[in-house]
Amino acid sequence: NLHGHNYRVRVHVSSATLDELGMVIDFADLKRIVDEVLGPFDHRVINDLPPFDRRNTTAELLAEFAWEELSKRLPAGRSVRRVEVWETETSCAIYEP
């Protein structure tokens, strides 16, 4: 039977240097990038959307997908250190290559 989740995603970004404002990345910019990657899954059947129409929809694979896609979109010199996907208050999968 179909069931839903209210995932919470936590993204950790790192950099060897800070920008001219003293930040690794502005949280508003990070939110926009995260929304680009994960927004299409909001209130949708994830199993109907690529790449999850061909692979399992585990929290682990969602975290890996988010890491890969976010890494492509971050400004130069910034990298995704870790992605956490929370299914509940006590259940979390972490992707940290």
C-alpha atoms as a PDB file:
ATOM      1  CA  ASN A   1       0.000   0.000   0.000  1.00  0.00           C
ATOM      2  CA  LEU A   2       1.123   3.472  -0.837  1.00  0.00           C
ATOM      3  CA  HIS A   3       2.270   5.525   2.145  1.00  0.00           C
ATOM      4  CA  GLY A   4       3.776   8.966   2.484  1.00  0.00           C
ATOM      5  CA  HIS A   5       6.573  10.660   4.350  1.00  0.00           C
ATOM      6  CA  ASN A   6       7.280  14.188   5.436  1.00  0.00           C
ATOM      7  CA  TYR A   7      11.016  14.112   4.892  1.00  0.00           C
ATOM      8  CA  ARG A   8      13.289  16.667   6.460  1.00  0.00           C
ATOM      9  CA  VAL A   9      16.587  17.180   4.658  1.00  0.00           C
ATOM     10  CA  ARG A  10      19.667  18.714   6.254  1.00  0.00           C
ATOM     11  CA  VAL A  11      22.541  19.741   3.979  1.00  0.00           C
ATOM     12  CA  HIS A  12      26.051  20.451   5.251  1.00  0.00           C
ATOM     13  CA  VAL A  13      28.219  22.616   2.973  1.00  0.00           C
ATOM     14  CA  SER A  14      31.918  23.266   3.450  1.00  0.00           C
ATOM     15  CA  SER A  15      34.588  25.524   2.006  1.00  0.00           C
ATOM     16  CA  ALA A  16      38.273  26.151   2.622  1.00  0.00           C
ATOM     17  CA  THR A  17      37.578  29.904   2.467  1.00  0.00           C
ATOM     18  CA  LEU A  18      34.763  32.278   3.283  1.00  0.00           C
ATOM     19  CA  ASP A  19      33.245  34.651   0.740  1.00  0.00           C
ATOM     20  CA  GLU A  20      33.538  38.438   0.925  1.00  0.00           C
ATOM     21  CA  LEU A  21      30.649  38.530   3.426  1.00  0.00           C
ATOM     22  CA  GLY A  22      32.298  35.953   5.675  1.00  0.00           C
ATOM     23  CA  MET A  23      30.023  33.041   4.731  1.00  0.00           C
ATOM     24  CA  VAL A  24      30.479  29.591   3.229  1.00  0.00           C
ATOM     25  CA  ILE A  25      27.149  30.099   1.437  1.00  0.00           C
ATOM     26  CA  ASP A  26      24.193  32.361   2.068  1.00  0.00           C
ATOM     27  CA  PHE A  27      21.374  30.248   3.502  1.00  0.00           C
ATOM     28  CA  ALA A  28      18.888  31.847   1.087  1.00  0.00           C
ATOM     29  CA  ASP A  29      21.068  30.729  -1.843  1.00  0.00           C
ATOM     30  CA  LEU A  30      21.382  27.243  -0.387  1.00  0.00           C
ATOM     31  CA  LYS A  31      17.603  27.040   0.096  1.00  0.00           C
ATOM     32  CA  ARG A  32      17.068  28.019  -3.539  1.00  0.00           C
ATOM     33  CA  ILE A  33      19.490  25.320  -4.709  1.00  0.00           C
ATOM     34  CA  VAL A  34      17.912  22.692  -2.456  1.00  0.00           C
ATOM     35  CA  ASP A  35      14.457  23.677  -3.749  1.00  0.00           C
ATOM     36  CA  GLU A  36      15.698  23.257  -7.346  1.00  0.00           C
ATOM     37  CA  VAL A  37      16.799  19.716  -6.579  1.00  0.00           C
ATOM     38  CA  LEU A  38      14.120  18.515  -4.179  1.00  0.00           C
ATOM     39  CA  GLY A  39      11.158  20.752  -5.005  1.00  0.00           C
ATOM     40  CA  PRO A  40       9.945  18.494  -7.836  1.00  0.00           C
ATOM     41  CA  PHE A  41       9.369  15.708  -5.284  1.00  0.00           C
ATOM     42  CA  ASP A  42       7.153  17.797  -2.981  1.00  0.00           C
ATOM     43  CA  HIS A  43       3.619  16.375  -2.710  1.00  0.00           C
ATOM     44  CA  ARG A  44       4.335  13.905  -5.515  1.00  0.00           C
ATOM     45  CA  VAL A  45       4.627  10.141  -5.784  1.00  0.00           C
ATOM     46  CA  ILE A  46       8.406   9.845  -5.760  1.00  0.00           C
ATOM     47  CA  ASN A  47       8.236   6.435  -7.465  1.00  0.00           C
ATOM     48  CA  ASP A  48       6.828   8.172 -10.555  1.00  0.00           C
ATOM     49  CA  LEU A  49       9.773  10.592 -10.909  1.00  0.00           C
ATOM     50  CA  PRO A  50      13.260   9.926 -12.277  1.00  0.00           C
ATOM     51  CA  PRO A  51      15.520   8.493 -11.072  1.00  0.00           C
ATOM     52  CA  PHE A  52      13.224   6.830  -8.549  1.00  0.00           C
ATOM     53  CA  ASP A  53      11.017   5.386 -11.239  1.00  0.00           C
ATOM     54  CA  ARG A  54      13.968   2.986 -11.750  1.00  0.00           C
ATOM     55  CA  ARG A  55      15.451   2.689  -8.257  1.00  0.00           C
ATOM     56  CA  ASN A  56      14.299   2.233  -4.688  1.00  0.00           C
ATOM     57  CA  THR A  57      13.055   5.219  -2.730  1.00  0.00           C
ATOM     58  CA  THR A  58      15.047   4.574   0.420  1.00  0.00           C
ATOM     59  CA  ALA A  59      16.140   7.504   2.544  1.00  0.00           C
ATOM     60  CA  GLU A  60      19.714   6.452   1.814  1.00  0.00           C
ATOM     61  CA  LEU A  61      19.226   6.704  -1.951  1.00  0.00           C
ATOM     62  CA  LEU A  62      17.368   9.998  -1.568  1.00  0.00           C
ATOM     63  CA  ALA A  63      20.336  11.363   0.406  1.00  0.00           C
ATOM     64  CA  GLU A  64      22.785  10.137  -2.237  1.00  0.00           C
ATOM     65  CA  PHE A  65      20.695  11.675  -5.035  1.00  0.00           C
ATOM     66  CA  ALA A  66      20.497  15.000  -3.188  1.00  0.00           C
ATOM     67  CA  TRP A  67      24.270  14.984  -2.591  1.00  0.00           C
ATOM     68  CA  GLU A  68      25.008  14.324  -6.277  1.00  0.00           C
ATOM     69  CA  GLU A  69      22.607  16.961  -7.605  1.00  0.00           C
ATOM     70  CA  LEU A  70      23.450  19.622  -5.033  1.00  0.00           C
ATOM     71  CA  SER A  71      27.162  19.130  -5.687  1.00  0.00           C
ATOM     72  CA  LYS A  72      26.614  20.065  -9.336  1.00  0.00           C
ATOM     73  CA  ARG A  73      24.911  23.345  -8.414  1.00  0.00           C
ATOM     74  CA  LEU A  74      26.993  24.824  -5.606  1.00  0.00           C
ATOM     75  CA  PRO A  75      29.225  27.830  -6.291  1.00  0.00           C
ATOM     76  CA  ALA A  76      32.882  27.166  -7.050  1.00  0.00           C
ATOM     77  CA  GLY A  77      34.928  26.290  -3.987  1.00  0.00           C
ATOM     78  CA  ARG A  78      31.912  25.000  -2.044  1.00  0.00           C
ATOM     79  CA  SER A  79      31.206  21.316  -1.541  1.00  0.00           C
ATOM     80  CA  VAL A  80      28.454  19.211  -0.045  1.00  0.00           C
ATOM     81  CA  ARG A  81      29.962  17.556   3.007  1.00  0.00           C
ATOM     82  CA  ARG A  82      26.927  15.580   4.156  1.00  0.00           C
ATOM     83  CA  VAL A  83      23.216  15.108   3.445  1.00  0.00           C
ATOM     84  CA  GLU A  84      20.796  13.853   6.089  1.00  0.00           C
ATOM     85  CA  VAL A  85      17.314  12.634   5.173  1.00  0.00           C
ATOM     86  CA  TRP A  86      14.991  12.345   8.161  1.00  0.00           C
ATOM     87  CA  GLU A  87      11.844  10.220   7.819  1.00  0.00           C
ATOM     88  CA  THR A  88      10.793  10.762  11.428  1.00  0.00           C
ATOM     89  CA  GLU A  89      12.169  12.522  14.500  1.00  0.00           C
ATOM     90  CA  THR A  90      14.244   9.418  15.250  1.00  0.00           C
ATOM     91  CA  SER A  91      14.929   7.868  11.819  1.00  0.00           C
ATOM     92  CA  CYS A  92      17.624   9.340   9.653  1.00  0.00           C
ATOM     93  CA  ALA A  93      19.875   8.256   6.781  1.00  0.00           C
ATOM     94  CA  ILE A  94      23.143  10.088   6.178  1.00  0.00           C
ATOM     95  CA  TYR A  95      25.110  10.196   2.950  1.00  0.00           C
ATOM     96  CA  GLU A  96      28.655  11.376   3.505  1.00  0.00           C
ATOM     97  CA  PRO A  97      31.055  10.075   0.834  1.00  0.00           C
END
